[in-house]
PDB file of N, CA and C in Angstrom:
ATOM      1  N   UNK A   1      63.975  58.658 171.152  1.00  0.00           N
ATOM      2  CA  UNK A   1      63.174  59.107 169.991  1.00  0.00           C
ATOM      3  C   UNK A   1      64.196  58.830 168.811  1.00  0.00           C
ATOM      4  N   UNK A   2      64.202  58.152 167.427  1.00  0.00           N
ATOM      5  CA  UNK A   2      64.666  57.729 166.543  1.00  0.00           C
ATOM      6  C   UNK A   2      64.672  58.702 165.612  1.00  0.00           C
ATOM      7  N   UNK A   3      66.047  59.135 165.282  1.00  0.00           N
ATOM      8  CA  UNK A   3      66.112  60.350 164.055  1.00  0.00           C
ATOM      9  C   UNK A   3      65.892  59.829 162.814  1.00  0.00           C
ATOM     10  N   UNK A   4      65.382  60.514 161.876  1.00  0.00           N
ATOM     11  CA  UNK A   4      64.951  60.385 160.476  1.00  0.00           C
ATOM     12  C   UNK A   4      65.561  61.253 159.642  1.00  0.00           C
ATOM     13  N   UNK A   5      66.422  60.673 159.411  1.00  0.00           N
ATOM     14  CA  UNK A   5      67.394  61.218 158.424  1.00  0.00           C
ATOM     15  C   UNK A   5      67.489  60.670 156.863  1.00  0.00           C
ATOM     16  N   UNK A   6      68.014  61.601 156.181  1.00  0.00           N
ATOM     17  CA  UNK A   6      67.852  61.139 154.688  1.00  0.00           C
ATOM     18  C   UNK A   6      68.989  60.438 154.141  1.00  0.00           C
ATOM     19  N   UNK A   7      68.944  59.263 153.444  1.00  0.00           N
ATOM     20  CA  UNK A   7      70.291  58.542 153.336  1.00  0.00           C
ATOM     21  C   UNK A   7      71.143  59.452 152.340  1.00  0.00           C
ATOM     22  N   UNK A   8      72.469  58.922 152.821  1.00  0.00           N
ATOM     23  CA  UNK A   8      73.360  59.603 151.712  1.00  0.00           C
ATOM     24  C   UNK A   8      73.995  58.489 150.656  1.00  0.00           C
ATOM     25  N   UNK A   9      73.291  58.738 149.852  1.00  0.00           N
ATOM     26  CA  UNK A   9      74.199  57.612 148.498  1.00  0.00           C
ATOM     27  C   UNK A   9      75.141  58.110 148.252  1.00  0.00           C
ATOM     28  N   UNK A  10      75.697  57.462 147.517  1.00  0.00           N
ATOM     29  CA  UNK A  10      77.001  57.544 146.664  1.00  0.00           C
ATOM     30  C   UNK A  10      76.872  58.193 145.331  1.00  0.00           C
ATOM     31  N   UNK A  11      75.726  58.233 145.275  1.00  0.00           N
ATOM     32  CA  UNK A  11      75.131  59.353 143.757  1.00  0.00           C
ATOM     33  C   UNK A  11      75.028  60.713 144.345  1.00  0.00           C
ATOM     34  N   UNK A  12      74.808  60.963 145.812  1.00  0.00           N
ATOM     35  CA  UNK A  12      74.547  62.208 146.292  1.00  0.00           C
ATOM     36  C   UNK A  12      75.882  62.891 146.485  1.00  0.00           C
ATOM     37  N   UNK A  13      77.000  61.860 146.931  1.00  0.00           N
ATOM     38  CA  UNK A  13      78.354  62.162 147.121  1.00  0.00           C
ATOM     39  C   UNK A  13      79.062  62.870 145.772  1.00  0.00           C
ATOM     40  N   UNK A  14      78.505  62.005 144.953  1.00  0.00           N
ATOM     41  CA  UNK A  14      79.442  62.237 143.698  1.00  0.00           C
ATOM     42  C   UNK A  14      78.853  63.602 143.008  1.00  0.00           C
ATOM     43  N   UNK A  15      77.341  63.909 143.175  1.00  0.00           N
ATOM     44  CA  UNK A  15      76.830  65.476 142.767  1.00  0.00           C
ATOM     45  C   UNK A  15      77.511  66.483 143.817  1.00  0.00           C
ATOM     46  N   UNK A  16      77.662  65.724 145.181  1.00  0.00           N
ATOM     47  CA  UNK A  16      77.935  67.276 146.404  1.00  0.00           C
ATOM     48  C   UNK A  16      79.710  67.402 145.622  1.00  0.00           C
ATOM     49  N   UNK A  17      80.409  66.174 145.423  1.00  0.00           N
ATOM     50  CA  UNK A  17      81.584  66.400 145.032  1.00  0.00           C
ATOM     51  C   UNK A  17      81.854  67.469 143.419  1.00  0.00           C
ATOM     52  N   UNK A  18      80.929  66.814 142.606  1.00  0.00           N
ATOM     53  CA  UNK A  18      81.006  67.856 141.092  1.00  0.00           C
ATOM     54  C   UNK A  18      80.354  69.102 141.619  1.00  0.00           C
ATOM     55  N   UNK A  19      79.765  69.410 142.481  1.00  0.00           N
ATOM     56  CA  UNK A  19      79.585  70.872 142.861  1.00  0.00           C
ATOM     57  C   UNK A  19      80.269  71.542 143.519  1.00  0.00           C
ATOM     58  N   UNK A  20      80.977  70.802 144.340  1.00  0.00           N
ATOM     59  CA  UNK A  20      82.656  71.601 144.981  1.00  0.00           C
ATOM     60  C   UNK A  20      83.299  72.155 143.782  1.00  0.00           C
ATOM     61  N   UNK A  21      83.826  71.414 142.924  1.00  0.00           N
ATOM     62  CA  UNK A  21      84.826  71.837 141.991  1.00  0.00           C
ATOM     63  C   UNK A  21      83.755  72.798 141.007  1.00  0.00           C
ATOM     64  N   UNK A  22      82.662  72.829 140.766  1.00  0.00           N
ATOM     65  CA  UNK A  22      81.810  73.685 139.788  1.00  0.00           C
ATOM     66  C   UNK A  22      81.600  75.025 140.475  1.00  0.00           C
ATOM     67  N   UNK A  23      81.392  75.310 141.927  1.00  0.00           N
ATOM     68  CA  UNK A  23      81.541  76.533 142.610  1.00  0.00           C
ATOM     69  C   UNK A  23      82.889  76.952 142.815  1.00  0.00           C
ATOM     70  N   UNK A  24      83.683  75.983 142.717  1.00  0.00           N
ATOM     71  CA  UNK A  24      85.038  76.681 142.974  1.00  0.00           C
ATOM     72  C   UNK A  24      85.579  77.374 141.745  1.00  0.00           C
ATOM     73  N   UNK A  25      85.431  76.638 140.790  1.00  0.00           N
ATOM     74  CA  UNK A  25      85.687  77.217 139.019  1.00  0.00           C
ATOM     75  C   UNK A  25      85.118  78.573 139.034  1.00  0.00           C
ATOM     76  N   UNK A  26      83.649  78.436 139.532  1.00  0.00           N
ATOM     77  CA  UNK A  26      83.083  80.016 138.747  1.00  0.00           C
ATOM     78  C   UNK A  26      83.350  80.775 139.613  1.00  0.00           C
ATOM     79  N   UNK A  27      83.405  80.825 141.410  1.00  0.00           N
ATOM     80  CA  UNK A  27      83.757  81.808 142.039  1.00  0.00           C
ATOM     81  C   UNK A  27      82.898  82.874 142.370  1.00  0.00           C
ATOM     82  N   UNK A  28      81.352  82.204 142.132  1.00  0.00           N
ATOM     83  CA  UNK A  28      80.482  83.577 142.170  1.00  0.00           C
ATOM     84  C   UNK A  28      79.314  82.568 142.523  1.00  0.00           C
ATOM     85  N   UNK A  29      78.221  83.409 142.676  1.00  0.00           N
ATOM     86  CA  UNK A  29      77.141  82.661 143.086  1.00  0.00           C
ATOM     87  C   UNK A  29      76.502  81.667 142.139  1.00  0.00           C
ATOM     88  N   UNK A  30      76.028  81.027 142.500  1.00  0.00           N
ATOM     89  CA  UNK A  30      74.920  80.087 141.229  1.00  0.00           C
ATOM     90  C   UNK A  30      73.562  79.719 142.038  1.00  0.00           C
ATOM     91  N   UNK A  31      72.659  79.898 140.703  1.00  0.00           N
ATOM     92  CA  UNK A  31      71.281  80.002 141.367  1.00  0.00           C
ATOM     93  C   UNK A  31      71.034  78.328 141.261  1.00  0.00           C
ATOM     94  N   UNK A  32      69.570  78.191 142.160  1.00  0.00           N
ATOM     95  CA  UNK A  32      69.761  76.518 141.916  1.00  0.00           C
ATOM     96  C   UNK A  32      69.348  76.076 140.514  1.00  0.00           C
ATOM     97  N   UNK A  33      68.870  76.920 139.761  1.00  0.00           N
ATOM     98  CA  UNK A  33      68.489  76.568 138.376  1.00  0.00           C
ATOM     99  C   UNK A  33      69.697  76.047 137.975  1.00  0.00           C
ATOM    100  N   UNK A  34      70.748  77.206 137.883  1.00  0.00           N
ATOM    101  CA  UNK A  34      72.345  76.901 137.329  1.00  0.00           C
ATOM    102  C   UNK A  34      72.809  75.323 137.915  1.00  0.00           C
ATOM    103  N   UNK A  35      72.794  75.191 139.141  1.00  0.00           N
ATOM    104  CA  UNK A  35      73.338  74.370 139.582  1.00  0.00           C
ATOM    105  C   UNK A  35      72.367  72.606 139.170  1.00  0.00           C
ATOM    106  N   UNK A  36      70.779  72.807 139.185  1.00  0.00           N
ATOM    107  CA  UNK A  36      70.566  71.481 139.096  1.00  0.00           C
ATOM    108  C   UNK A  36      70.803  71.665 137.237  1.00  0.00           C
ATOM    109  N   UNK A  37      70.787  72.523 136.553  1.00  0.00           N
ATOM    110  CA  UNK A  37      71.099  72.200 135.311  1.00  0.00           C
ATOM    111  C   UNK A  37      72.530  71.306 134.794  1.00  0.00           C
ATOM    112  N   UNK A  38      73.380  71.928 135.554  1.00  0.00           N
ATOM    113  CA  UNK A  38      74.953  71.669 135.611  1.00  0.00           C
ATOM    114  C   UNK A  38      74.984  70.226 136.272  1.00  0.00           C
ATOM    115  N   UNK A  39      74.253  69.537 137.283  1.00  0.00           N
ATOM    116  CA  UNK A  39      74.271  68.561 137.938  1.00  0.00           C
ATOM    117  C   UNK A  39      73.405  67.433 137.078  1.00  0.00           C
ATOM    118  N   UNK A  40      72.380  67.843 136.159  1.00  0.00           N
ATOM    119  CA  UNK A  40      71.392  67.176 135.660  1.00  0.00           C
ATOM    120  C   UNK A  40      70.474  66.995 136.776  1.00  0.00           C
ATOM    121  N   UNK A  41      70.153  67.450 137.714  1.00  0.00           N
ATOM    122  CA  UNK A  41      68.672  67.625 138.505  1.00  0.00           C
ATOM    123  C   UNK A  41      67.716  68.452 138.009  1.00  0.00           C
ATOM    124  N   UNK A  42      66.433  67.939 137.963  1.00  0.00           N
ATOM    125  CA  UNK A  42      65.208  68.875 137.751  1.00  0.00           C
ATOM    126  C   UNK A  42      64.478  69.086 139.115  1.00  0.00           C
ATOM    127  N   UNK A  43      64.463  68.733 139.792  1.00  0.00           N
ATOM    128  CA  UNK A  43      63.840  68.647 141.111  1.00  0.00           C
ATOM    129  C   UNK A  43      64.689  69.720 141.877  1.00  0.00           C
ATOM    130  N   UNK A  44      63.934  70.898 142.327  1.00  0.00           N
ATOM    131  CA  UNK A  44      64.750  71.792 143.306  1.00  0.00           C
ATOM    132  C   UNK A  44      65.166  71.519 144.643  1.00  0.00           C
ATOM    133  N   UNK A  45      64.220  70.683 145.089  1.00  0.00           N
ATOM    134  CA  UNK A  45      64.487  69.886 146.465  1.00  0.00           C
ATOM    135  C   UNK A  45      65.743  69.225 146.581  1.00  0.00           C
ATOM    136  N   UNK A  46      66.131  68.324 145.748  1.00  0.00           N
ATOM    137  CA  UNK A  46      67.244  67.804 145.139  1.00  0.00           C
ATOM    138  C   UNK A  46      68.317  68.381 145.104  1.00  0.00           C
ATOM    139  N   UNK A  47      68.049  69.977 144.435  1.00  0.00           N
ATOM    140  CA  UNK A  47      69.551  70.529 144.225  1.00  0.00           C
ATOM    141  C   UNK A  47      69.935  71.100 146.051  1.00  0.00           C
ATOM    142  N   UNK A  48      68.702  71.398 146.457  1.00  0.00           N
ATOM    143  CA  UNK A  48      69.104  71.915 147.821  1.00  0.00           C
ATOM    144  C   UNK A  48      69.553  70.978 148.656  1.00  0.00           C
ATOM    145  N   UNK A  49      69.221  69.439 148.702  1.00  0.00           N
ATOM    146  CA  UNK A  49      69.996  68.601 149.476  1.00  0.00           C
ATOM    147  C   UNK A  49      71.379  68.102 149.005  1.00  0.00           C
ATOM    148  N   UNK A  50      71.829  68.456 147.775  1.00  0.00           N
ATOM    149  CA  UNK A  50      73.085  68.469 147.380  1.00  0.00           C
ATOM    150  C   UNK A  50      73.635  69.441 147.954  1.00  0.00           C
ATOM    151  N   UNK A  51      73.553  70.676 147.716  1.00  0.00           N
ATOM    152  CA  UNK A  51      73.927  71.619 148.509  1.00  0.00           C
ATOM    153  C   UNK A  51      74.183  71.631 150.026  1.00  0.00           C
ATOM    154  N   UNK A  52      73.277  71.184 150.527  1.00  0.00           N
ATOM    155  CA  UNK A  52      73.138  70.990 152.115  1.00  0.00           C
ATOM    156  C   UNK A  52      74.072  69.742 152.473  1.00  0.00           C
ATOM    157  N   UNK A  53      74.425  68.948 151.675  1.00  0.00           N
ATOM    158  CA  UNK A  53      75.553  68.150 151.914  1.00  0.00           C
ATOM    159  C   UNK A  53      76.675  68.384 151.583  1.00  0.00           C
ATOM    160  N   UNK A  54      77.251  69.277 150.551  1.00  0.00           N
ATOM    161  CA  UNK A  54      78.230  69.654 150.640  1.00  0.00           C
ATOM    162  C   UNK A  54      78.699  70.993 151.766  1.00  0.00           C
ATOM    163  N   UNK A  55      77.570  71.457 152.507  1.00  0.00           N
ATOM    164  CA  UNK A  55      77.706  72.825 153.166  1.00  0.00           C
ATOM    165  C   UNK A  55      77.907  71.851 154.486  1.00  0.00           C
ATOM    166  N   UNK A  56      77.995  70.587 154.655  1.00  0.00           N
ATOM    167  CA  UNK A  56      78.414  69.997 156.013  1.00  0.00           C
ATOM    168  C   UNK A  56      79.817  69.831 155.905  1.00  0.00           C
ATOM    169  N   UNK A  57      80.676  69.804 154.890  1.00  0.00           N
ATOM    170  CA  UNK A  57      81.980  69.791 154.542  1.00  0.00           C
ATOM    171  C   UNK A  57      82.999  71.007 154.299  1.00  0.00           C
ATOM    172  N   UNK A  58      82.249  71.798 153.455  1.00  0.00           N
ATOM    173  CA  UNK A  58      82.728  72.873 152.804  1.00  0.00           C
ATOM    174  C   UNK A  58      81.756  74.447 153.167  1.00  0.00           C
ATOM    175  N   UNK A  59      82.767  75.556 153.467  1.00  0.00           N
ATOM    176  CA  UNK A  59      81.942  76.844 154.005  1.00  0.00           C
ATOM    177  C   UNK A  59      81.180  77.189 152.456  1.00  0.00           C
ATOM    178  N   UNK A  60      80.040  76.922 152.690  1.00  0.00           N
ATOM    179  CA  UNK A  60      78.957  77.215 151.304  1.00  0.00           C
ATOM    180  C   UNK A  60      78.361  78.705 151.847  1.00  0.00           C
ATOM    181  N   UNK A  61      78.379  79.817 151.074  1.00  0.00           N
ATOM    182  CA  UNK A  61      77.327  80.995 151.446  1.00  0.00           C
ATOM    183  C   UNK A  61      76.069  80.867 150.625  1.00  0.00           C
ATOM    184  N   UNK A  62      75.105  81.468 151.486  1.00  0.00           N
ATOM    185  CA  UNK A  62      73.782  81.061 150.605  1.00  0.00           C
ATOM    186  C   UNK A  62      73.210  82.518 151.217  1.00  0.00           C
ATOM    187  N   UNK A  63      72.373  82.989 150.161  1.00  0.00           N
ATOM    188  CA  UNK A  63      71.745  84.087 150.342  1.00  0.00           C
ATOM    189  C   UNK A  63      70.110  83.728 150.097  1.00  0.00           C
ATOM    190  N   UNK A  64      69.442  84.173 151.036  1.00  0.00           N
ATOM    191  CA  UNK A  64      68.191  84.050 151.100  1.00  0.00           C
ATOM    192  C   UNK A  64      67.087  84.932 149.931  1.00  0.00           C
ATOM    193  N   UNK A  65      67.980  85.871 149.345  1.00  0.00           N
ATOM    194  CA  UNK A  65      67.290  86.779 148.389  1.00  0.00           C
ATOM    195  C   UNK A  65      67.326  86.136 146.751  1.00  0.00           C
ATOM    196  N   UNK A  66      67.780  84.835 147.064  1.00  0.00           N
ATOM    197  CA  UNK A  66      67.487  83.991 145.310  1.00  0.00           C
ATOM    198  C   UNK A  66      69.043  84.249 144.709  1.00  0.00           C
ATOM    199  N   UNK A  67      69.894  84.576 145.448  1.00  0.00           N
ATOM    200  CA  UNK A  67      71.124  84.736 144.487  1.00  0.00           C
ATOM    201  C   UNK A  67      71.678  83.376 144.302  1.00  0.00           C
ATOM    202  N   UNK A  68      71.432  82.591 145.204  1.00  0.00           N
ATOM    203  CA  UNK A  68      72.006  81.165 145.006  1.00  0.00           C
ATOM    204  C   UNK A  68      73.182  81.116 146.135  1.00  0.00           C
ATOM    205  N   UNK A  69      74.122  80.165 145.783  1.00  0.00           N
ATOM    206  CA  UNK A  69      75.209  79.165 146.695  1.00  0.00           C
ATOM    207  C   UNK A  69      76.248  80.054 145.811  1.00  0.00           C
ATOM    208  N   UNK A  70      77.610  80.083 146.922  1.00  0.00           N
ATOM    209  CA  UNK A  70      78.799  80.369 146.667  1.00  0.00           C
ATOM    210  C   UNK A  70      79.749  79.691 147.366  1.00  0.00           C
ATOM    211  N   UNK A  71      80.682  79.212 147.010  1.00  0.00           N
ATOM    212  CA  UNK A  71      81.989  78.653 148.033  1.00  0.00           C
ATOM    213  C   UNK A  71      82.821  79.547 148.357  1.00  0.00           C
ATOM    214  N   UNK A  72      83.039  79.784 149.724  1.00  0.00           N
ATOM    215  CA  UNK A  72      83.914  80.884 150.287  1.00  0.00           C
ATOM    216  C   UNK A  72      85.286  80.363 150.080  1.00  0.00           C
ATOM    217  N   UNK A  73      85.875  81.196 149.570  1.00  0.00           N
ATOM    218  CA  UNK A  73      87.104  81.069 149.348  1.00  0.00           C
ATOM    219  C   UNK A  73      88.698  82.015 149.540  1.00  0.00           C
ATOM    220  N   UNK A  74      88.050  83.300 149.725  1.00  0.00           N
ATOM    221  CA  UNK A  74      89.018  84.709 149.994  1.00  0.00           C
ATOM    222  C   UNK A  74      88.495  85.547 151.094  1.00  0.00           C
ATOM    223  N   UNK A  75      89.445  86.156 151.497  1.00  0.00           N
ATOM    224  CA  UNK A  75      89.081  87.154 152.829  1.00  0.00           C
ATOM    225  C   UNK A  75      87.812  87.957 152.440  1.00  0.00           C
ATOM    226  N   UNK A  76      87.293  88.239 151.114  1.00  0.00           N
ATOM    227  CA  UNK A  76      86.433  88.909 150.761  1.00  0.00           C
ATOM    228  C   UNK A  76      84.911  88.508 151.012  1.00  0.00           C
ATOM    229  N   UNK A  77      85.303  87.139 151.296  1.00  0.00           N
ATOM    230  CA  UNK A  77      83.969  86.432 151.328  1.00  0.00           C
ATOM    231  C   UNK A  77      83.511  86.175 153.070  1.00  0.00           C
ATOM    232  N   UNK A  78      84.582  86.976 153.912  1.00  0.00           N
ATOM    233  CA  UNK A  78      84.234  86.579 155.410  1.00  0.00           C
ATOM    234  C   UNK A  78      82.888  87.405 155.795  1.00  0.00           C
ATOM    235  N   UNK A  79      82.441  88.671 155.232  1.00  0.00           N
ATOM    236  CA  UNK A  79      81.591  89.122 155.562  1.00  0.00           C
ATOM    237  C   UNK A  79      79.839  88.123 155.652  1.00  0.00           C
ATOM    238  N   UNK A  80      80.269  87.717 154.248  1.00  0.00           N
ATOM    239  CA  UNK A  80      78.966  86.951 153.453  1.00  0.00           C
ATOM    240  C   UNK A  80      78.879  85.631 154.377  1.00  0.00           C
ATOM    241  N   UNK A  81      80.021  85.185 154.965  1.00  0.00           N
ATOM    242  CA  UNK A  81      80.234  84.080 155.728  1.00  0.00           C
ATOM    243  C   UNK A  81      79.746  83.889 157.013  1.00  0.00           C
ATOM    244  N   UNK A  82      80.032  85.151 157.637  1.00  0.00           N
ATOM    245  CA  UNK A  82      79.197  85.549 158.874  1.00  0.00           C
ATOM    246  C   UNK A  82      77.895  85.684 159.113  1.00  0.00           C
ATOM    247  N   UNK A  83      77.373  86.235 157.820  1.00  0.00           N
ATOM    248  CA  UNK A  83      75.941  86.704 157.409  1.00  0.00           C
ATOM    249  C   UNK A  83      75.357  85.285 157.618  1.00  0.00           C
ATOM    250  N   UNK A  84      75.610  84.510 156.809  1.00  0.00           N
ATOM    251  CA  UNK A  84      75.160  82.974 156.493  1.00  0.00           C
ATOM    252  C   UNK A  84      74.975  82.119 158.041  1.00  0.00           C
ATOM    253  N   UNK A  85      76.172  82.401 158.658  1.00  0.00           N
ATOM    254  CA  UNK A  85      76.417  81.704 160.159  1.00  0.00           C
ATOM    255  C   UNK A  85      75.263  82.280 160.592  1.00  0.00           C
ATOM    256  N   UNK A  86      75.048  83.744 160.826  1.00  0.00           N
ATOM    257  CA  UNK A  86      73.940  84.557 161.628  1.00  0.00           C
ATOM    258  C   UNK A  86      72.668  83.838 161.182  1.00  0.00           C
ATOM    259  N   UNK A  87      72.147  83.714 159.658  1.00  0.00           N
ATOM    260  CA  UNK A  87      70.853  83.288 159.368  1.00  0.00           C
ATOM    261  C   UNK A  87      70.674  81.861 159.926  1.00  0.00           C
ATOM    262  N   UNK A  88      72.052  80.786 159.819  1.00  0.00           N
ATOM    263  CA  UNK A  88      71.524  79.625 160.303  1.00  0.00           C
ATOM    264  C   UNK A  88      71.544  79.550 162.016  1.00  0.00           C
ATOM    265  N   UNK A  89      72.129  80.284 162.280  1.00  0.00           N
ATOM    266  CA  UNK A  89      71.780  80.407 164.076  1.00  0.00           C
ATOM    267  C   UNK A  89      70.670  80.824 164.384  1.00  0.00           C
ATOM    268  N   UNK A  90      70.010  81.869 163.540  1.00  0.00           N
ATOM    269  CA  UNK A  90      68.523  82.275 163.935  1.00  0.00           C
ATOM    270  C   UNK A  90      67.619  81.366 163.656  1.00  0.00           C
ATOM    271  N   UNK A  91      67.747  80.338 162.480  1.00  0.00           N
ATOM    272  CA  UNK A  91      66.979  79.457 162.257  1.00  0.00           C
ATOM    273  C   UNK A  91      66.916  78.427 163.356  1.00  0.00           C
ATOM    274  N   UNK A  92      67.991  77.967 163.758  1.00  0.00           N
ATOM    275  CA  UNK A  92      68.269  77.173 164.738  1.00  0.00           C
ATOM    276  C   UNK A  92      67.572  77.759 166.166  1.00  0.00           C
ATOM    277  N   UNK A  93      67.694  78.859 166.608  1.00  0.00           N
ATOM    278  CA  UNK A  93      66.684  79.378 167.464  1.00  0.00           C
ATOM    279  C   UNK A  93      65.547  79.446 167.322  1.00  0.00           C
ATOM    280  N   UNK A  94      65.197  79.451 166.110  1.00  0.00           N
ATOM    281  CA  UNK A  94      63.347  79.418 166.111  1.00  0.00           C
ATOM    282  C   UNK A  94      62.918  78.066 165.937  1.00  0.00           C
ATOM    283  N   UNK A  95      63.729  77.328 165.571  1.00  0.00           N
ATOM    284  CA  UNK A  95      63.341  75.841 165.497  1.00  0.00           C
ATOM    285  C   UNK A  95      63.434  75.198 166.932  1.00  0.00           C
ATOM    286  N   UNK A  96      64.117  75.802 167.671  1.00  0.00           N
ATOM    287  CA  UNK A  96      64.282  75.363 169.194  1.00  0.00           C
ATOM    288  C   UNK A  96      62.822  75.764 169.879  1.00  0.00           C
ATOM    289  N   UNK A  97      62.305  76.922 169.707  1.00  0.00           N
ATOM    290  CA  UNK A  97      61.421  77.431 169.984  1.00  0.00           C
ATOM    291  C   UNK A  97      59.886  76.757 169.755  1.00  0.00           C
ATOM    292  N   UNK A  98      60.244  76.168 168.447  1.00  0.00           N
ATOM    293  CA  UNK A  98      59.009  75.262 167.937  1.00  0.00           C
ATOM    294  C   UNK A  98      59.090  73.885 168.675  1.00  0.00           C
ATOM    295  N   UNK A  99      60.069  73.638 168.811  1.00  0.00           N
ATOM    296  CA  UNK A  99      60.359  72.194 169.732  1.00  0.00           C
ATOM    297  C   UNK A  99      59.881  72.385 170.858  1.00  0.00           C
ATOM    298  N   UNK A 100      59.999  73.322 171.814  1.00  0.00           N
ATOM    299  CA  UNK A 100      59.545  73.289 173.020  1.00  0.00           C
ATOM    300  C   UNK A 100      58.134  72.711 173.431  1.00  0.00           C
ATOM    301  N   UNK A 101      57.085  73.663 172.818  1.00  0.00           N
ATOM    302  CA  UNK A 101      55.699  72.685 172.860  1.00  0.00           C
ATOM    303  C   UNK A 101      55.368  71.487 172.743  1.00  0.00           C
ATOM    304  N   UNK A 102      56.012  71.031 171.472  1.00  0.00           N
ATOM    305  CA  UNK A 102      56.132  69.556 171.326  1.00  0.00           C
ATOM    306  C   UNK A 102      56.584  68.523 172.330  1.00  0.00           C
ATOM    307  N   UNK A 103      57.773  68.877 172.972  1.00  0.00           N
ATOM    308  CA  UNK A 103      58.184  68.333 174.181  1.00  0.00           C
ATOM    309  C   UNK A 103      57.244  68.207 175.169  1.00  0.00           C
ATOM    310  N   UNK A 104      56.748  69.585 175.453  1.00  0.00           N
ATOM    311  CA  UNK A 104      55.610  69.606 176.379  1.00  0.00           C
ATOM    312  C   UNK A 104      54.520  68.800 176.418  1.00  0.00           C
ATOM    313  N   UNK A 105      53.920  68.783 174.944  1.00  0.00           N
ATOM    314  CA  UNK A 105      52.754  67.943 174.896  1.00  0.00           C
ATOM    315  C   UNK A 105      53.351  66.218 175.137  1.00  0.00           C
ATOM    316  N   UNK A 106      54.491  66.235 174.443  1.00  0.00           N
ATOM    317  CA  UNK A 106      54.787  64.559 174.970  1.00  0.00           C
ATOM    318  C   UNK A 106      54.971  64.192 176.030  1.00  0.00           C
ATOM    319  N   UNK A 107      55.627  64.774 176.726  1.00  0.00           N
ATOM    320  CA  UNK A 107      56.058  64.734 178.334  1.00  0.00           C
ATOM    321  C   UNK A 107      54.442  64.310 179.277  1.00  0.00           C
ATOM    322  N   UNK A 108      53.187  65.295 178.990  1.00  0.00           N
ATOM    323  CA  UNK A 108      52.055  65.506 179.338  1.00  0.00           C
ATOM    324  C   UNK A 108      51.159  64.037 178.869  1.00  0.00           C
ATOM    325  N   UNK A 109      51.708  63.707 177.830  1.00  0.00           N
ATOM    326  CA  UNK A 109      50.665  62.573 177.185  1.00  0.00           C
ATOM    327  C   UNK A 109      51.158  61.218 177.637  1.00  0.00           C
ATOM    328  N   UNK A 110      52.692  61.171 177.401  1.00  0.00           N
ATOM    329  CA  UNK A 110      53.584  60.060 177.619  1.00  0.00           C
ATOM    330  C   UNK A 110      53.879  59.437 179.065  1.00  0.00           C
ATOM    331  N   UNK A 111      54.041  60.395 179.885  1.00  0.00           N
ATOM    332  CA  UNK A 111      54.542  60.616 181.536  1.00  0.00           C
ATOM    333  C   UNK A 111      53.609  61.379 182.053  1.00  0.00           C
ATOM    334  N   UNK A 112      52.816  62.043 181.476  1.00  0.00           N
ATOM    335  CA  UNK A 112      51.460  62.749 182.786  1.00  0.00           C
ATOM    336  C   UNK A 112      52.339  63.789 183.276  1.00  0.00           C
ATOM    337  N   UNK A 113      53.493  64.458 182.618  1.00  0.00           N
ATOM    338  CA  UNK A 113      54.216  65.701 183.612  1.00  0.00           C
ATOM    339  C   UNK A 113      53.815  66.880 183.024  1.00  0.00           C
ATOM    340  N   UNK A 114      53.892  67.781 184.167  1.00  0.00           N
ATOM    341  CA  UNK A 114      53.727  69.359 183.619  1.00  0.00           C
ATOM    342  C   UNK A 114      52.061  69.455 182.945  1.00  0.00           C
ATOM    343  N   UNK A 115      51.936  70.546 182.597  1.00  0.00           N
ATOM    344  CA  UNK A 115      50.583  70.972 181.626  1.00  0.00           C
ATOM    345  C   UNK A 115      50.578  70.870 180.302  1.00  0.00           C
ATOM    346  N   UNK A 116      49.792  71.020 179.756  1.00  0.00           N
ATOM    347  CA  UNK A 116      50.004  71.582 178.136  1.00  0.00           C
ATOM    348  C   UNK A 116      49.721  72.804 178.057  1.00  0.00           C
ATOM    349  N   UNK A 117      50.303  73.553 178.105  1.00  0.00           N
ATOM    350  CA  UNK A 117      50.283  75.162 178.056  1.00  0.00           C
ATOM    351  C   UNK A 117      50.190  75.694 176.750  1.00  0.00           C
ATOM    352  N   UNK A 118      49.599  76.499 176.776  1.00  0.00           N
ATOM    353  CA  UNK A 118      49.654  77.334 175.092  1.00  0.00           C
ATOM    354  C   UNK A 118      50.240  78.798 174.969  1.00  0.00           C
TER     355      UNK A 118
END
């Protein structure tokens, strides 16, 4: 099965680099709105894409309660880093559960293997 990945453009890389220096400089959480304004991005999805790209290279802490995003820089950030790590691990586990029935269906239809269980 071919992966469907978003292209990483030079513009995205530039924005991620700019975001890194912004978060490093402010040393606190920045909201999506704040980041969008700083980067000149109006679309919330595009802001999340830039944050996600940066988070593949730098330790970005995120809080689901709308606090926003922060660059981990000090020992005081360790607990929040571990919380973000736990949240991501939990999402991975949930997605893996959702993938299993899709694989079972594909195997049944494509290879006539197993049953289509509910």
